[in-house]
């Protein structure tokens, strides 16, 4: 057996699984399954299937997910760098599907890094509503923010906060909350051998303390009628069925929404909970679900859908929300500057926002510079509200006052910087555009070396007739660089050369 499993884990699973134990253990002798999930913010599933460079097989529980052959290395293709798909373990695609997200929802991904599930949520929102995505570990929010940007998300706010602080700022605001809880990671032993070696130190007992606290706080974040999906990638009933049983005991307004008929899911196992007499609603736990590695093509996962059927509350944060369509870039000029600059512990070296600008003149100048750029270079109205942190300009889906006092990594879509009254577009602005959103664009062929050379930051020779222009526009200015038609970054054409604007920190580093 390739994976060295902890003896205590093996003995527990032998006791719980009985006649299924041999099949469960045999799964560890097989290779892990590789999956990709199509990013429908950029491309439809049908179109991706048509152009896919990989052999694809559908993943039953995720309509945008596909198995790819083991060893196919989907990270080494220009389409990955264009944000057309996310590489994700197949079982990990299931929890977001259970949330039932609709465009316009207000969604919180509470334990989000590195961001795979957040990008899946964003694709379902299709640019409407709001996604607040958070991780308590500052270092991990770097990958979270980058994935939000790579995959073209326009309506997300990225935080680095504790759950209780978010609950203070957003009481009963979200109608969908995802808790992909920190856990002992038993379901990842086959995929990551380090998880097995760290199992005893990252114990079930330590994880249940965190999980209990996160669930308790999540109930304060949820709007009446809203849904929490709680998931783990572990097999321990203490972190799964028993955790949900405890939550139901202390939150009588909640019920389990049964996962009956969901592809791949086996019923929860309430009989595995000791001292069952403590939990009067224990029969509900059969409506939770498990993905077993010996029954499906994927790793282990547990999920529970919890709906709050409580009464309306007196105050919700939604009363302070700015609808995403209320104001656009340029409409804000001269209307801001009401609030004082608030203290944001936002890791200046990590994200560069620093403090939010509080002077009316600063934000008015930024809004005017952005509006001038958009008028001359873009063919769309930017959604949201212009917010300035230092010299960085964002379009936020929220009233920025809602973020006062929080550790903000990204208050919205990072669209560029303003220096000396001049606006320079950001790379995340480009990655969230479509080919027809820009006044000028250049198409690169993903099957030719030019695409990889661009992604490596090289200057390219390019004929003038490859610069596609809106009628009346000149070749001078920023051009949206697209790989096979999908936005990947900025460039500038001049005298037969494409000046590369692809940022150093994003470049293709593989040979």
Protein backbone atom coordinates (compact mmCIF):
# COMPACT_ATOMS: atom_id res chain seq x y z
CA UNK A 1 0.00 0.00 0.00
CA UNK A 2 1.44 3.36 -1.05
CA UNK A 3 -0.11 5.34 1.82
CA UNK A 4 1.01 4.66 5.39
CA UNK A 5 -2.24 5.02 7.35
CA UNK A 6 -2.33 5.75 11.11
CA UNK A 7 -3.07 2.57 13.07
CA UNK A 8 -5.76 4.21 15.22
CA UNK A 9 -7.53 5.47 12.10
CA UNK A 10 -7.46 2.00 10.50
CA UNK A 11 -8.86 0.36 13.64
CA UNK A 12 -11.69 2.89 13.92
CA UNK A 13 -12.69 2.48 10.27
CA UNK A 14 -12.61 -1.32 10.65
CA UNK A 15 -15.05 -1.03 13.55
CA UNK A 16 -17.38 1.44 11.80
CA UNK A 17 -17.48 -0.06 8.30
CA UNK A 18 -17.68 -3.75 9.09
CA UNK A 19 -18.19 -5.68 5.84
CA UNK A 20 -17.29 -2.59 3.74
CA UNK A 21 -13.90 -2.20 5.36
CA UNK A 22 -11.99 -4.33 2.83
CA UNK A 23 -13.38 -2.34 -0.12
CA UNK A 24 -12.58 0.92 1.70
CA UNK A 25 -8.97 -0.10 2.25
CA UNK A 26 -8.61 -1.31 -1.33
CA UNK A 27 -9.37 2.22 -2.53
CA UNK A 28 -5.99 3.32 -1.15
CA UNK A 29 -4.26 1.07 -3.68
CA UNK A 30 -5.70 3.08 -6.59
CA UNK A 31 -4.46 6.41 -7.98
CA UNK A 32 -6.28 9.63 -6.98
CA UNK A 33 -8.79 11.04 -9.44
CA UNK A 34 -8.06 14.33 -11.19
CA UNK A 35 -10.86 16.78 -11.89
CA UNK A 36 -11.34 20.14 -13.56
CA UNK A 37 -14.35 22.44 -13.22
CA UNK A 38 -15.32 24.69 -16.12
CA UNK A 39 -15.42 28.39 -15.25
CA UNK A 40 -18.76 29.47 -16.68
CA UNK A 41 -17.96 33.13 -15.99
CA UNK A 42 -15.72 32.85 -19.05
CA UNK A 43 -16.92 29.93 -21.16
CA UNK A 44 -19.95 27.68 -21.40
CA UNK A 45 -19.66 23.98 -20.62
CA UNK A 46 -20.69 23.13 -24.18
CA UNK A 47 -18.00 25.35 -25.69
CA UNK A 48 -15.32 24.03 -23.36
CA UNK A 49 -16.20 20.44 -24.24
CA UNK A 50 -15.79 21.40 -27.90
CA UNK A 51 -12.31 22.94 -27.49
CA UNK A 52 -10.98 20.87 -24.58
CA UNK A 53 -7.41 19.60 -25.05
CA UNK A 54 -8.17 16.77 -22.58
CA UNK A 55 -10.35 13.70 -22.62
CA UNK A 56 -13.34 14.51 -20.41
CA UNK A 57 -15.78 12.40 -18.38
CA UNK A 58 -18.62 14.08 -16.45
CA UNK A 59 -18.54 14.17 -12.65
CA UNK A 60 -22.03 13.03 -11.53
CA UNK A 61 -22.58 15.54 -8.73
CA UNK A 62 -21.26 18.65 -10.51
CA UNK A 63 -22.66 19.66 -13.93
CA UNK A 64 -19.59 21.80 -14.69
CA UNK A 65 -17.07 19.21 -13.45
CA UNK A 66 -15.13 16.62 -15.44
CA UNK A 67 -12.64 13.88 -14.75
CA UNK A 68 -9.43 14.13 -16.77
CA UNK A 69 -6.96 11.26 -17.18
CA UNK A 70 -4.49 10.86 -14.35
CA UNK A 71 -1.19 12.48 -15.31
CA UNK A 72 -2.67 14.81 -17.96
CA UNK A 73 -1.31 17.94 -16.17
CA UNK A 74 -4.09 20.45 -16.87
CA UNK A 75 -2.08 23.17 -15.11
CA UNK A 76 0.36 23.20 -18.04
CA UNK A 77 -1.94 24.60 -20.68
CA UNK A 78 -2.70 28.21 -21.71
CA UNK A 79 -6.41 27.63 -20.99
CA UNK A 80 -5.59 27.19 -17.30
CA UNK A 81 -3.81 30.56 -17.26
CA UNK A 82 -6.75 32.09 -19.10
CA UNK A 83 -8.99 30.97 -16.22
CA UNK A 84 -11.17 28.63 -18.27
CA UNK A 85 -11.15 25.89 -15.64
CA UNK A 86 -10.19 25.25 -12.02
CA UNK A 87 -8.26 22.10 -11.06
CA UNK A 88 -10.18 20.55 -8.17
CA UNK A 89 -10.52 17.21 -6.44
CA UNK A 90 -13.86 15.81 -7.70
CA UNK A 91 -15.47 15.30 -4.26
CA UNK A 92 -14.64 18.89 -3.30
CA UNK A 93 -17.02 20.11 -6.03
CA UNK A 94 -20.05 18.69 -4.20
CA UNK A 95 -20.68 21.13 -1.29
CA UNK A 96 -21.29 24.23 -3.44
CA UNK A 97 -23.80 22.26 -5.55
CA UNK A 98 -25.79 21.67 -2.36
CA UNK A 99 -26.15 25.39 -1.60
CA UNK A 100 -28.69 25.91 -4.38
CA UNK A 101 -27.19 29.27 -5.33
CA UNK A 102 -29.21 31.57 -7.58
CA UNK A 103 -28.07 34.82 -9.24
CA UNK A 104 -28.63 37.68 -6.81
CA UNK A 105 -27.90 35.65 -3.67
CA UNK A 106 -25.75 36.99 -0.84
CA UNK A 107 -23.19 34.25 -0.17
CA UNK A 108 -20.46 33.81 2.44
CA UNK A 109 -17.62 31.31 2.01
CA UNK A 110 -16.34 31.36 5.56
CA UNK A 111 -13.23 29.12 5.36
CA UNK A 112 -12.38 29.75 1.73
CA UNK A 113 -8.65 29.50 0.92
CA UNK A 114 -7.33 28.65 -1.61
CA UNK A 115 -10.59 29.63 -3.28
CA UNK A 116 -11.81 26.71 -5.38
CA UNK A 117 -15.27 26.69 -3.85
CA UNK A 118 -15.44 30.51 -3.98
CA UNK A 119 -14.83 30.49 -7.73
CA UNK A 120 -17.54 27.83 -8.06
CA UNK A 121 -19.96 30.04 -6.09
CA UNK A 122 -19.06 33.07 -8.21
CA UNK A 123 -19.79 31.18 -11.42
CA UNK A 124 -23.27 30.35 -10.12
CA UNK A 125 -23.92 33.99 -9.16
CA UNK A 126 -23.03 35.06 -12.74
CA UNK A 127 -21.94 38.53 -11.62
CA UNK A 128 -25.05 39.40 -9.60
CA UNK A 129 -25.53 39.46 -5.84
CA UNK A 130 -22.46 39.41 -3.65
CA UNK A 131 -19.84 36.90 -2.54
CA UNK A 132 -17.89 37.52 0.66
CA UNK A 133 -15.01 35.08 0.81
CA UNK A 134 -12.86 34.79 3.91
CA UNK A 135 -9.97 32.97 5.48
CA UNK A 136 -8.63 33.50 8.98
CA UNK A 137 -5.01 32.79 7.93
CA UNK A 138 -3.44 35.89 6.36
CA UNK A 139 -0.88 33.97 4.30
CA UNK A 140 -3.57 31.80 2.72
CA UNK A 141 -5.57 34.80 1.55
CA UNK A 142 -2.88 35.50 -1.07
CA UNK A 143 -3.90 32.42 -3.04
CA UNK A 144 -7.56 33.13 -2.34
CA UNK A 145 -7.42 36.66 -3.77
CA UNK A 146 -5.38 35.54 -6.80
CA UNK A 147 -7.86 32.81 -7.69
CA UNK A 148 -10.78 35.23 -7.38
CA UNK A 149 -8.94 37.51 -9.82
CA UNK A 150 -7.73 34.83 -12.24
CA UNK A 151 -11.23 33.44 -12.67
CA UNK A 152 -12.76 36.81 -13.53
CA UNK A 153 -14.92 37.40 -10.46
CA UNK A 154 -16.36 40.92 -10.37
CA UNK A 155 -18.63 40.82 -7.30
CA UNK A 156 -16.46 39.40 -4.50
CA UNK A 157 -15.09 40.88 -1.29
CA UNK A 158 -12.09 39.07 0.23
CA UNK A 159 -11.58 39.22 4.00
CA UNK A 160 -8.98 37.98 6.47
CA UNK A 161 -11.13 37.84 9.58
CA UNK A 162 -12.38 35.67 12.41
CA UNK A 163 -15.99 34.46 12.03
CA UNK A 164 -17.20 36.39 15.06
CA UNK A 165 -15.92 39.69 13.64
CA UNK A 166 -17.74 39.03 10.38
CA UNK A 167 -20.91 38.27 12.34
CA UNK A 168 -20.65 41.66 14.05
CA UNK A 169 -20.42 43.41 10.68
CA UNK A 170 -22.99 41.26 8.81
CA UNK A 171 -25.70 40.18 11.28
CA UNK A 172 -28.25 37.90 9.57
CA UNK A 173 -27.17 39.16 6.15
CA UNK A 174 -26.31 36.11 4.03
CA UNK A 175 -28.94 33.80 2.61
CA UNK A 176 -26.32 31.16 1.74
CA UNK A 177 -23.31 30.26 3.93
CA UNK A 178 -20.68 27.66 3.10
CA UNK A 179 -18.61 26.19 5.93
CA UNK A 180 -15.92 23.97 4.44
CA UNK A 181 -14.73 23.37 7.96
CA UNK A 182 -11.14 22.84 9.11
CA UNK A 183 -10.96 19.13 9.83
CA UNK A 184 -8.65 16.19 10.47
CA UNK A 185 -8.49 15.58 6.70
CA UNK A 186 -8.89 11.82 6.71
CA UNK A 187 -10.50 11.92 3.27
CA UNK A 188 -7.32 13.38 1.80
CA UNK A 189 -4.91 10.64 2.94
CA UNK A 190 -4.71 9.10 -0.54
CA UNK A 191 -4.22 12.44 -2.25
CA UNK A 192 -1.77 13.94 0.26
CA UNK A 193 0.38 11.64 2.39
CA UNK A 194 1.34 14.55 4.63
CA UNK A 195 -2.24 14.61 5.91
CA UNK A 196 -1.79 11.05 7.17
CA UNK A 197 1.52 11.82 8.89
CA UNK A 198 0.04 14.92 10.59
CA UNK A 199 -3.22 13.25 11.63
CA UNK A 200 -2.38 12.73 15.30
CA UNK A 201 -1.20 16.32 15.84
CA UNK A 202 -4.08 17.81 13.82
CA UNK A 203 -6.44 15.70 15.90
CA UNK A 204 -10.17 15.10 15.72
CA UNK A 205 -10.50 16.59 19.21
CA UNK A 206 -8.84 19.88 18.21
CA UNK A 207 -10.93 20.14 15.07
CA UNK A 208 -14.25 19.64 16.82
CA UNK A 209 -13.58 22.65 19.04
CA UNK A 210 -13.10 24.87 15.97
CA UNK A 211 -16.04 23.36 14.10
CA UNK A 212 -18.44 23.85 17.00
CA UNK A 213 -17.49 27.51 17.30
CA UNK A 214 -17.73 28.18 13.56
CA UNK A 215 -21.20 26.62 13.33
CA UNK A 216 -22.42 28.61 16.33
CA UNK A 217 -21.29 31.89 14.77
CA UNK A 218 -22.62 30.98 11.32
CA UNK A 219 -26.15 30.91 12.71
CA UNK A 220 -25.74 34.63 13.50
CA UNK A 221 -24.72 35.36 9.91
CA UNK A 222 -27.67 33.67 8.23
CA UNK A 223 -30.80 35.48 7.11
CA UNK A 224 -34.23 33.97 7.93
CA UNK A 225 -35.01 31.13 5.54
CA UNK A 226 -31.34 30.87 4.58
CA UNK A 227 -29.19 27.79 4.14
CA UNK A 228 -25.87 26.67 5.64
CA UNK A 229 -23.90 23.89 3.99
CA UNK A 230 -21.44 22.33 6.42
CA UNK A 231 -18.82 20.05 4.89
CA UNK A 232 -15.63 18.27 5.85
CA UNK A 233 -13.15 16.02 4.06
CA UNK A 234 -12.97 13.57 6.94
CA UNK A 235 -14.65 10.34 8.06
CA UNK A 236 -14.78 10.90 11.85
CA UNK A 237 -18.41 10.95 13.06
CA UNK A 238 -17.41 13.36 15.84
CA UNK A 239 -16.67 15.98 13.15
CA UNK A 240 -19.67 15.09 11.04
CA UNK A 241 -22.98 13.59 12.27
CA UNK A 242 -22.30 14.37 15.91
CA UNK A 243 -21.33 17.97 15.12
CA UNK A 244 -24.66 18.45 13.29
CA UNK A 245 -26.57 16.76 16.13
CA UNK A 246 -25.06 19.19 18.64
CA UNK A 247 -25.92 22.14 16.40
CA UNK A 248 -29.56 21.05 16.06
CA UNK A 249 -29.80 20.66 19.83
CA UNK A 250 -28.73 24.26 20.45
CA UNK A 251 -30.44 25.79 17.38
CA UNK A 252 -34.04 24.49 17.31
CA UNK A 253 -34.99 26.76 14.39
CA UNK A 254 -32.81 24.69 12.04
CA UNK A 255 -33.57 21.46 10.19
CA UNK A 256 -31.57 19.13 7.97
CA UNK A 257 -32.58 19.26 4.30
CA UNK A 258 -32.25 15.61 3.19
CA UNK A 259 -29.77 14.80 0.42
CA UNK A 260 -32.00 12.05 -0.93
CA UNK A 261 -31.34 11.39 -4.60
CA UNK A 262 -28.13 13.41 -4.79
CA UNK A 263 -25.69 11.59 -7.12
CA UNK A 264 -22.82 9.89 -5.33
CA UNK A 265 -24.01 10.53 -1.78
CA UNK A 266 -24.58 7.75 0.74
CA UNK A 267 -26.83 8.52 3.75
CA UNK A 268 -25.39 9.87 6.99
CA UNK A 269 -24.76 7.41 9.82
CA UNK A 270 -26.54 8.56 13.00
CA UNK A 271 -25.96 5.11 14.52
CA UNK A 272 -22.25 5.96 14.77
CA UNK A 273 -22.92 8.66 17.38
CA UNK A 274 -22.35 7.60 20.99
CA UNK A 275 -24.85 8.62 23.71
CA UNK A 276 -27.63 8.99 21.16
CA UNK A 277 -30.20 9.76 23.84
CA UNK A 278 -28.68 13.25 24.12
CA UNK A 279 -29.95 14.16 20.65
CA UNK A 280 -33.75 14.06 20.20
CA UNK A 281 -33.52 14.98 16.49
CA UNK A 282 -30.99 12.28 15.65
CA UNK A 283 -33.19 10.73 12.95
CA UNK A 284 -32.58 13.86 10.83
CA UNK A 285 -28.92 12.92 10.49
CA UNK A 286 -29.69 10.20 7.98
CA UNK A 287 -30.44 13.12 5.65
CA UNK A 288 -26.82 14.25 5.74
CA UNK A 289 -24.50 12.63 3.19
CA UNK A 290 -21.13 11.04 2.65
CA UNK A 291 -19.01 10.51 -0.43
CA UNK A 292 -16.97 7.32 0.08
CA UNK A 293 -13.78 6.67 -1.93
CA UNK A 294 -14.70 3.00 -2.39
CA UNK A 295 -18.14 3.87 -3.80
CA UNK A 296 -17.33 6.81 -6.08
CA UNK A 297 -14.44 8.15 -8.14
CA UNK A 298 -13.14 10.69 -5.64
CA UNK A 299 -11.96 11.17 -2.09
CA UNK A 300 -13.95 11.25 1.14
CA UNK A 301 -16.42 14.03 1.96
CA UNK A 302 -19.28 14.72 4.37
CA UNK A 303 -21.98 17.34 3.86
CA UNK A 304 -25.08 18.58 5.66
CA UNK A 305 -27.60 21.15 4.40
CA UNK A 306 -29.09 23.16 7.27
CA UNK A 307 -32.05 25.47 6.71
CA UNK A 308 -33.11 28.11 9.21
CA UNK A 309 -36.87 28.25 9.59
CA UNK A 310 -36.77 30.90 12.30
CA UNK A 311 -38.69 34.17 12.38
CA UNK A 312 -37.48 37.46 10.91
CA UNK A 313 -34.95 39.39 12.98
CA UNK A 314 -35.08 43.07 13.92
CA UNK A 315 -31.90 44.23 12.18
CA UNK A 316 -30.05 42.76 9.26
CA UNK A 317 -27.00 44.04 7.45
CA UNK A 318 -28.93 43.94 4.16
CA UNK A 319 -30.51 47.28 5.02
CA UNK A 320 -27.06 48.81 4.66
CA UNK A 321 -26.19 47.11 1.38
CA UNK A 322 -25.59 48.97 -1.85
CA UNK A 323 -27.26 47.09 -4.73
CA UNK A 324 -24.61 46.24 -7.29
CA UNK A 325 -26.52 48.02 -10.04
CA UNK A 326 -27.22 51.22 -8.09
CA UNK A 327 -24.11 53.12 -9.13
CA UNK A 328 -21.41 52.67 -11.71
CA UNK A 329 -17.94 54.06 -12.28
CA UNK A 330 -18.12 57.74 -13.08
CA UNK A 331 -21.55 58.26 -11.50
CA UNK A 332 -19.84 58.42 -8.13
CA UNK A 333 -17.69 61.48 -8.89
CA UNK A 334 -18.39 64.27 -6.46
CA UNK A 335 -20.87 62.29 -4.36
CA UNK A 336 -18.52 60.57 -1.93
CA UNK A 337 -16.41 61.45 1.06
CA UNK A 338 -19.10 61.13 3.72
CA UNK A 339 -17.34 58.63 5.93
CA UNK A 340 -14.15 59.12 7.86
CA UNK A 341 -11.23 56.88 6.98
CA UNK A 342 -11.57 53.79 9.13
CA UNK A 343 -8.83 51.63 10.50
CA UNK A 344 -8.28 48.57 8.31
CA UNK A 345 -5.67 46.04 9.41
CA UNK A 346 -5.29 44.93 5.85
CA UNK A 347 -1.74 43.62 5.54
CA UNK A 348 -0.30 46.48 3.46
CA UNK A 349 2.61 44.41 2.22
CA UNK A 350 0.26 41.59 1.21
CA UNK A 351 -2.39 43.44 -0.72
CA UNK A 352 -1.36 47.07 -1.06
CA UNK A 353 -4.70 48.66 -0.16
CA UNK A 354 -3.57 50.25 3.07
CA UNK A 355 -6.32 52.49 4.38
CA UNK A 356 -9.40 53.43 2.48
CA UNK A 357 -9.15 56.99 1.20
CA UNK A 358 -11.49 59.21 3.17
CA UNK A 359 -11.15 62.52 1.35
CA UNK A 360 -13.84 63.42 -1.15
CA UNK A 361 -11.26 64.83 -3.56
CA UNK A 362 -9.22 61.59 -3.63
CA UNK A 363 -12.15 59.37 -4.46
CA UNK A 364 -13.62 61.89 -6.87
CA UNK A 365 -10.30 62.06 -8.76
CA UNK A 366 -10.11 58.26 -8.90
CA UNK A 367 -13.71 57.92 -10.08
CA UNK A 368 -13.18 60.53 -12.78
CA UNK A 369 -9.91 58.93 -13.96
CA UNK A 370 -11.57 55.49 -14.08
CA UNK A 371 -14.58 56.90 -15.92
CA UNK A 372 -12.29 58.57 -18.49
CA UNK A 373 -10.38 55.30 -19.04
CA UNK A 374 -13.61 53.31 -19.37
CA UNK A 375 -15.04 55.81 -21.86
CA UNK A 376 -11.99 55.58 -24.10
CA UNK A 377 -10.92 51.97 -23.69
CA UNK A 378 -13.95 49.86 -22.71
CA UNK A 379 -17.40 49.15 -24.06
CA UNK A 380 -19.19 48.28 -20.82
CA UNK A 381 -20.41 50.03 -17.69
CA UNK A 382 -18.44 48.78 -14.68
CA UNK A 383 -20.73 47.43 -11.95
CA UNK A 384 -20.57 48.48 -8.31
CA UNK A 385 -19.23 51.45 -6.44
CA UNK A 386 -15.81 53.03 -6.80
CA UNK A 387 -13.70 52.60 -3.64
CA UNK A 388 -10.10 53.76 -3.21
CA UNK A 389 -7.44 52.27 -0.92
CA UNK A 390 -4.21 54.23 -1.27
CA UNK A 391 -3.67 54.43 -5.04
CA UNK A 392 -5.66 51.25 -5.76
CA UNK A 393 -9.15 51.49 -7.22
CA UNK A 394 -11.90 48.92 -6.74
CA UNK A 395 -15.49 48.44 -7.83
CA UNK A 396 -17.26 47.10 -4.75
CA UNK A 397 -20.59 45.24 -4.62
CA UNK A 398 -21.12 46.54 -1.06
CA UNK A 399 -21.58 49.85 0.64
CA UNK A 400 -17.96 50.31 1.84
CA UNK A 401 -19.16 51.40 5.29
CA UNK A 402 -20.09 47.75 5.91
CA UNK A 403 -16.38 46.86 5.87
CA UNK A 404 -15.34 49.43 8.47
CA UNK A 405 -12.95 47.92 11.03
CA UNK A 406 -12.52 44.60 9.20
CA UNK A 407 -9.29 43.24 7.77
CA UNK A 408 -9.98 43.71 4.08
CA UNK A 409 -7.86 41.93 1.48
CA UNK A 410 -9.99 43.02 -1.50
CA UNK A 411 -13.04 45.30 -1.05
CA UNK A 412 -14.23 44.37 -4.54
CA UNK A 413 -13.03 44.00 -8.12
CA UNK A 414 -9.51 45.48 -8.33
CA UNK A 415 -9.66 47.51 -11.54
CA UNK A 416 -6.47 49.60 -11.46
CA UNK A 417 -4.37 52.33 -9.89
CA UNK A 418 -4.42 56.11 -10.07
CA UNK A 419 -1.22 58.15 -9.94
CA UNK A 420 -1.07 61.85 -10.70
CA UNK A 421 -4.62 61.70 -11.94
CA UNK A 422 -3.88 58.98 -14.52
CA UNK A 423 -5.57 55.60 -14.41
CA UNK A 424 -3.62 52.40 -15.17
CA UNK A 425 -5.74 49.24 -15.59
CA UNK A 426 -5.00 46.20 -13.45
CA UNK A 427 -4.49 42.65 -14.59
CA UNK A 428 -7.66 41.55 -12.71
CA UNK A 429 -9.63 44.09 -14.74
CA UNK A 430 -8.51 42.29 -17.91
CA UNK A 431 -9.15 38.77 -16.62
CA UNK A 432 -12.77 39.63 -15.79
CA UNK A 433 -13.53 41.12 -19.23
CA UNK A 434 -14.87 39.44 -22.35
CA UNK A 435 -13.36 39.90 -25.79
CA UNK A 436 -16.05 42.38 -26.88
CA UNK A 437 -15.74 44.52 -23.73
CA UNK A 438 -12.58 46.30 -24.97
CA UNK A 439 -12.21 48.89 -27.69
CA UNK A 440 -9.17 47.04 -29.04
CA UNK A 441 -8.21 43.40 -28.68
CA UNK A 442 -5.64 40.94 -29.99
CA UNK A 443 -6.27 37.23 -30.48
CA UNK A 444 -3.48 34.75 -29.77
CA UNK A 445 -3.60 31.13 -30.86
CA UNK A 446 -3.51 28.79 -27.86
CA UNK A 447 -2.01 26.00 -29.95
CA UNK A 448 0.97 28.10 -31.05
CA UNK A 449 4.06 29.16 -29.03
CA UNK A 450 2.89 32.80 -29.08
CA UNK A 451 0.35 32.13 -26.32
CA UNK A 452 2.92 30.69 -23.91
CA UNK A 453 5.42 33.42 -24.85
CA UNK A 454 2.84 36.04 -23.94
CA UNK A 455 2.11 34.29 -20.63
CA UNK A 456 5.86 34.29 -19.91
CA UNK A 457 5.94 38.09 -20.34
CA UNK A 458 7.83 38.23 -23.65
CA UNK A 459 7.54 40.95 -26.27
CA UNK A 460 6.06 39.54 -29.48
CA UNK A 461 6.33 40.58 -33.14
CA UNK A 462 2.79 41.19 -34.38
CA UNK A 463 1.27 42.45 -37.61
CA UNK A 464 -0.94 45.53 -37.32
CA UNK A 465 -3.91 43.80 -38.91
CA UNK A 466 -4.16 41.49 -35.88
CA UNK A 467 -5.24 44.41 -33.70
CA UNK A 468 -9.04 44.27 -33.72
CA UNK A 469 -10.58 47.75 -33.34
CA UNK A 470 -13.94 49.26 -32.63
CA UNK A 471 -14.92 51.52 -35.50
CA UNK A 472 -13.15 54.86 -35.21
CA UNK A 473 -10.52 53.66 -32.70
CA UNK A 474 -6.77 53.80 -33.30
CA UNK A 475 -4.21 51.10 -32.49
CA UNK A 476 -2.75 53.32 -29.75
CA UNK A 477 -3.75 52.32 -26.24
CA UNK A 478 -4.37 49.22 -24.16
CA UNK A 479 -5.41 46.09 -26.04
CA UNK A 480 -7.15 43.15 -24.38
CA UNK A 481 -5.07 40.06 -25.13
CA UNK A 482 -7.20 36.97 -25.64
CA UNK A 483 -6.11 33.36 -26.00
CA UNK A 484 -8.46 31.66 -28.46
CA UNK A 485 -10.92 34.46 -27.70
CA UNK A 486 -10.69 34.41 -23.87
CA UNK A 487 -9.30 37.41 -22.01
CA UNK A 488 -5.90 36.80 -20.45
CA UNK A 489 -4.29 40.22 -19.86
CA UNK A 490 -3.24 43.54 -21.37
CA UNK A 491 -0.76 44.55 -24.03
CA UNK A 492 0.06 47.53 -26.26
CA UNK A 493 0.79 47.34 -29.99
CA UNK A 494 3.38 49.69 -31.46
CA UNK A 495 5.44 49.55 -34.67
CA UNK A 496 4.93 45.85 -35.33
CA UNK A 497 5.53 44.73 -31.74
CA UNK A 498 3.25 43.73 -28.91
CA UNK A 499 4.46 45.30 -25.68
CA UNK A 500 3.63 42.81 -22.97
CA UNK A 501 1.73 44.03 -19.89
CA UNK A 502 1.43 40.60 -18.26
CA UNK A 503 2.49 41.09 -14.60
CA UNK A 504 5.59 39.32 -13.30
CA UNK A 505 3.83 37.62 -10.39
CA UNK A 506 1.35 35.91 -12.71
CA UNK A 507 3.67 34.65 -15.43
CA UNK A 508 4.01 31.10 -16.74
CA UNK A 509 7.07 29.66 -15.00
CA UNK A 510 7.03 26.10 -16.35
CA UNK A 511 9.45 25.13 -19.10
